[in-house]
Amino acid sequence: MSLPAKEIETTGDFVKQSSLYQEFLAERDEILKHKWIESERLGYDIGFERALLDWIRKHRENWRSARRAQTQTAPPPRQ
C-alpha cells in the first residue's frame, strides 16, 4: 500500500520545513566545515565519520548552546 503522489509531496514539504530537519541540516553543515578544516590542517581527507565523531566530541555541546541562544533571541520567521 503506497501513498498518493500529492500526499508524498506534501509530506516531503512538511519534513523539509520542520525544525528538526532544519537543525539536522545546520549540524551537518558544521560537521562538513569541520571535516574541511581538519583535512586541510592534516593534509589529507579525514572522512565524514572521523569528522563527525571529532566534532561531536569537541564542538557539539557549545554549538547547540549557541544555537539555542540564537533562536531564543531571533524574531520568528516570516511566512
N, C-alpha and C. Protein backbone atom coordinates (compact mmCIF):
# COMPACT_ATOMS: atom_id res chain seq x y z
N MET A 1 0.85 -1.18 0.00
CA MET A 1 0.00 0.00 0.00
C MET A 1 0.89 1.24 0.00
N SER A 2 0.70 2.11 -0.96
CA SER A 2 1.53 3.31 -1.05
C SER A 2 0.66 4.56 -0.97
N LEU A 3 1.32 5.66 -0.64
CA LEU A 3 0.62 6.94 -0.53
C LEU A 3 0.47 7.57 -1.91
N PRO A 4 -0.61 8.33 -2.14
CA PRO A 4 -0.74 9.06 -3.39
C PRO A 4 0.39 10.08 -3.55
N ALA A 5 0.75 10.38 -4.80
CA ALA A 5 1.87 11.29 -5.09
C ALA A 5 1.70 12.64 -4.40
N LYS A 6 0.50 13.19 -4.39
CA LYS A 6 0.26 14.51 -3.77
C LYS A 6 0.54 14.45 -2.27
N GLU A 7 0.13 13.35 -1.62
CA GLU A 7 0.36 13.21 -0.19
C GLU A 7 1.85 13.08 0.11
N ILE A 8 2.56 12.35 -0.73
CA ILE A 8 4.01 12.21 -0.56
C ILE A 8 4.69 13.56 -0.71
N GLU A 9 4.27 14.33 -1.71
CA GLU A 9 4.84 15.67 -1.93
C GLU A 9 4.58 16.56 -0.72
N THR A 10 3.37 16.55 -0.20
CA THR A 10 3.02 17.36 0.96
C THR A 10 3.83 16.93 2.18
N THR A 11 3.97 15.63 2.38
CA THR A 11 4.76 15.12 3.50
C THR A 11 6.20 15.54 3.36
N GLY A 12 6.75 15.45 2.15
CA GLY A 12 8.13 15.86 1.90
C GLY A 12 8.34 17.33 2.20
N ASP A 13 7.39 18.17 1.79
CA ASP A 13 7.48 19.60 2.08
C ASP A 13 7.43 19.86 3.58
N PHE A 14 6.55 19.12 4.27
CA PHE A 14 6.44 19.28 5.72
C PHE A 14 7.76 18.92 6.40
N VAL A 15 8.33 17.81 5.98
CA VAL A 15 9.59 17.36 6.58
C VAL A 15 10.68 18.39 6.34
N LYS A 16 10.80 18.89 5.11
CA LYS A 16 11.85 19.86 4.78
C LYS A 16 11.70 21.16 5.55
N GLN A 17 10.48 21.49 5.93
CA GLN A 17 10.25 22.74 6.67
C GLN A 17 10.24 22.54 8.19
N SER A 18 10.34 21.30 8.63
CA SER A 18 10.29 21.04 10.07
C SER A 18 11.56 21.56 10.75
N SER A 19 11.41 21.97 11.98
CA SER A 19 12.56 22.49 12.72
C SER A 19 13.60 21.41 12.97
N LEU A 20 13.16 20.18 13.14
CA LEU A 20 14.09 19.07 13.36
C LEU A 20 14.98 18.86 12.14
N TYR A 21 14.37 18.90 10.96
CA TYR A 21 15.14 18.73 9.72
C TYR A 21 16.09 19.92 9.52
N GLN A 22 15.64 21.11 9.81
CA GLN A 22 16.48 22.30 9.68
C GLN A 22 17.67 22.21 10.63
N GLU A 23 17.42 21.70 11.83
CA GLU A 23 18.50 21.52 12.81
C GLU A 23 19.52 20.49 12.31
N PHE A 24 19.02 19.40 11.73
CA PHE A 24 19.88 18.38 11.15
C PHE A 24 20.77 18.97 10.06
N LEU A 25 20.18 19.76 9.16
CA LEU A 25 20.95 20.36 8.06
C LEU A 25 22.02 21.32 8.58
N ALA A 26 21.68 22.11 9.59
CA ALA A 26 22.64 23.05 10.16
C ALA A 26 23.80 22.31 10.82
N GLU A 27 23.47 21.24 11.54
CA GLU A 27 24.51 20.46 12.20
C GLU A 27 25.40 19.77 11.16
N ARG A 28 24.79 19.23 10.13
CA ARG A 28 25.57 18.58 9.06
C ARG A 28 26.52 19.57 8.40
N ASP A 29 26.06 20.79 8.17
CA ASP A 29 26.93 21.82 7.59
C ASP A 29 28.13 22.09 8.49
N GLU A 30 27.91 22.15 9.79
CA GLU A 30 29.02 22.38 10.72
C GLU A 30 30.02 21.22 10.70
N ILE A 31 29.51 20.01 10.60
CA ILE A 31 30.39 18.84 10.53
C ILE A 31 31.21 18.87 9.25
N LEU A 32 30.58 19.23 8.14
CA LEU A 32 31.31 19.32 6.87
C LEU A 32 32.37 20.41 6.90
N LYS A 33 32.08 21.54 7.55
CA LYS A 33 33.09 22.59 7.72
C LYS A 33 34.26 22.07 8.55
N HIS A 34 33.93 21.35 9.63
CA HIS A 34 34.97 20.78 10.49
C HIS A 34 35.82 19.78 9.70
N LYS A 35 35.17 18.97 8.89
CA LYS A 35 35.88 18.00 8.06
C LYS A 35 36.86 18.71 7.13
N TRP A 36 36.41 19.78 6.52
CA TRP A 36 37.28 20.51 5.59
C TRP A 36 38.47 21.13 6.34
N ILE A 37 38.19 21.78 7.46
CA ILE A 37 39.26 22.43 8.23
C ILE A 37 40.29 21.42 8.71
N GLU A 38 39.82 20.33 9.29
CA GLU A 38 40.75 19.32 9.80
C GLU A 38 41.50 18.61 8.67
N SER A 39 40.84 18.37 7.57
CA SER A 39 41.51 17.75 6.43
C SER A 39 42.60 18.66 5.88
N GLU A 40 42.31 19.93 5.79
CA GLU A 40 43.32 20.90 5.34
C GLU A 40 44.50 20.95 6.32
N ARG A 41 44.18 20.97 7.60
CA ARG A 41 45.22 21.04 8.62
C ARG A 41 46.14 19.82 8.58
N LEU A 42 45.55 18.66 8.38
CA LEU A 42 46.33 17.42 8.39
C LEU A 42 46.92 17.06 7.03
N GLY A 43 46.40 17.66 5.98
CA GLY A 43 46.94 17.40 4.64
C GLY A 43 46.34 16.21 3.92
N TYR A 44 45.25 15.65 4.46
CA TYR A 44 44.55 14.57 3.77
C TYR A 44 43.09 14.55 4.23
N ASP A 45 42.24 13.93 3.43
CA ASP A 45 40.82 13.86 3.74
C ASP A 45 40.59 12.92 4.92
N ILE A 46 40.05 13.45 6.01
CA ILE A 46 39.85 12.63 7.20
C ILE A 46 38.57 11.80 7.13
N GLY A 47 37.71 12.08 6.18
CA GLY A 47 36.47 11.34 6.04
C GLY A 47 35.37 11.88 6.95
N PHE A 48 34.13 11.62 6.53
CA PHE A 48 32.99 12.16 7.26
C PHE A 48 32.86 11.55 8.65
N GLU A 49 33.01 10.25 8.77
CA GLU A 49 32.81 9.60 10.06
C GLU A 49 33.78 10.12 11.12
N ARG A 50 35.04 10.25 10.76
CA ARG A 50 36.02 10.78 11.72
C ARG A 50 35.70 12.23 12.08
N ALA A 51 35.32 13.01 11.06
CA ALA A 51 34.96 14.41 11.32
C ALA A 51 33.73 14.49 12.22
N LEU A 52 32.76 13.65 11.98
CA LEU A 52 31.55 13.62 12.79
C LEU A 52 31.88 13.33 14.25
N LEU A 53 32.62 12.27 14.48
CA LEU A 53 32.94 11.89 15.86
C LEU A 53 33.79 12.96 16.56
N ASP A 54 34.75 13.53 15.83
CA ASP A 54 35.60 14.57 16.40
C ASP A 54 34.79 15.82 16.71
N TRP A 55 33.91 16.21 15.81
CA TRP A 55 33.09 17.41 16.00
C TRP A 55 32.14 17.22 17.19
N ILE A 56 31.53 16.03 17.28
CA ILE A 56 30.63 15.76 18.40
C ILE A 56 31.39 15.89 19.72
N ARG A 57 32.56 15.29 19.77
CA ARG A 57 33.35 15.30 21.00
C ARG A 57 33.83 16.70 21.38
N LYS A 58 34.24 17.49 20.39
CA LYS A 58 34.87 18.78 20.67
C LYS A 58 33.94 20.00 20.60
N HIS A 59 32.91 19.94 19.75
CA HIS A 59 32.19 21.17 19.45
C HIS A 59 30.67 21.13 19.60
N ARG A 60 30.07 19.97 19.59
CA ARG A 60 28.61 19.89 19.52
C ARG A 60 27.91 20.60 20.68
N GLU A 61 28.34 20.37 21.88
CA GLU A 61 27.66 20.95 23.04
C GLU A 61 27.65 22.49 22.97
N ASN A 62 28.81 23.08 22.68
CA ASN A 62 28.88 24.55 22.58
C ASN A 62 28.07 25.06 21.40
N TRP A 63 28.11 24.34 20.29
CA TRP A 63 27.36 24.75 19.09
C TRP A 63 25.87 24.76 19.39
N ARG A 64 25.39 23.70 20.04
CA ARG A 64 23.97 23.62 20.37
C ARG A 64 23.55 24.72 21.34
N SER A 65 24.38 24.99 22.33
CA SER A 65 24.06 26.06 23.28
C SER A 65 23.97 27.40 22.58
N ALA A 66 24.93 27.69 21.71
CA ALA A 66 24.92 28.95 20.96
C ALA A 66 23.71 29.02 20.04
N ARG A 67 23.37 27.92 19.42
CA ARG A 67 22.23 27.88 18.51
C ARG A 67 20.92 28.10 19.27
N ARG A 68 20.79 27.49 20.44
CA ARG A 68 19.59 27.69 21.26
C ARG A 68 19.45 29.15 21.66
N ALA A 69 20.56 29.74 22.08
CA ALA A 69 20.54 31.15 22.49
C ALA A 69 20.16 32.04 21.30
N GLN A 70 20.68 31.70 20.13
CA GLN A 70 20.38 32.48 18.92
C GLN A 70 18.90 32.38 18.55
N THR A 71 18.32 31.20 18.64
CA THR A 71 16.92 31.03 18.25
C THR A 71 15.97 31.65 19.27
N GLN A 72 16.41 31.74 20.52
CA GLN A 72 15.55 32.36 21.55
C GLN A 72 15.50 33.87 21.40
N THR A 73 16.53 34.47 20.84
CA THR A 73 16.55 35.93 20.68
C THR A 73 16.15 36.38 19.28
N ALA A 74 16.10 35.45 18.34
CA ALA A 74 15.76 35.80 16.96
C ALA A 74 14.25 35.99 16.82
N PRO A 75 13.83 36.92 15.95
CA PRO A 75 12.39 37.08 15.71
C PRO A 75 11.86 35.86 14.96
N PRO A 76 10.57 35.58 15.09
CA PRO A 76 10.01 34.41 14.39
C PRO A 76 10.12 34.58 12.88
N PRO A 77 10.29 33.47 12.13
CA PRO A 77 10.44 33.57 10.68
C PRO A 77 9.16 34.07 10.02
N ARG A 78 9.32 34.79 8.92
CA ARG A 78 8.17 35.29 8.15
C ARG A 78 7.55 34.15 7.36
N GLN A 79 6.27 34.25 7.16
CA GLN A 79 5.59 33.21 6.35
C GLN A 79 4.88 33.80 5.20
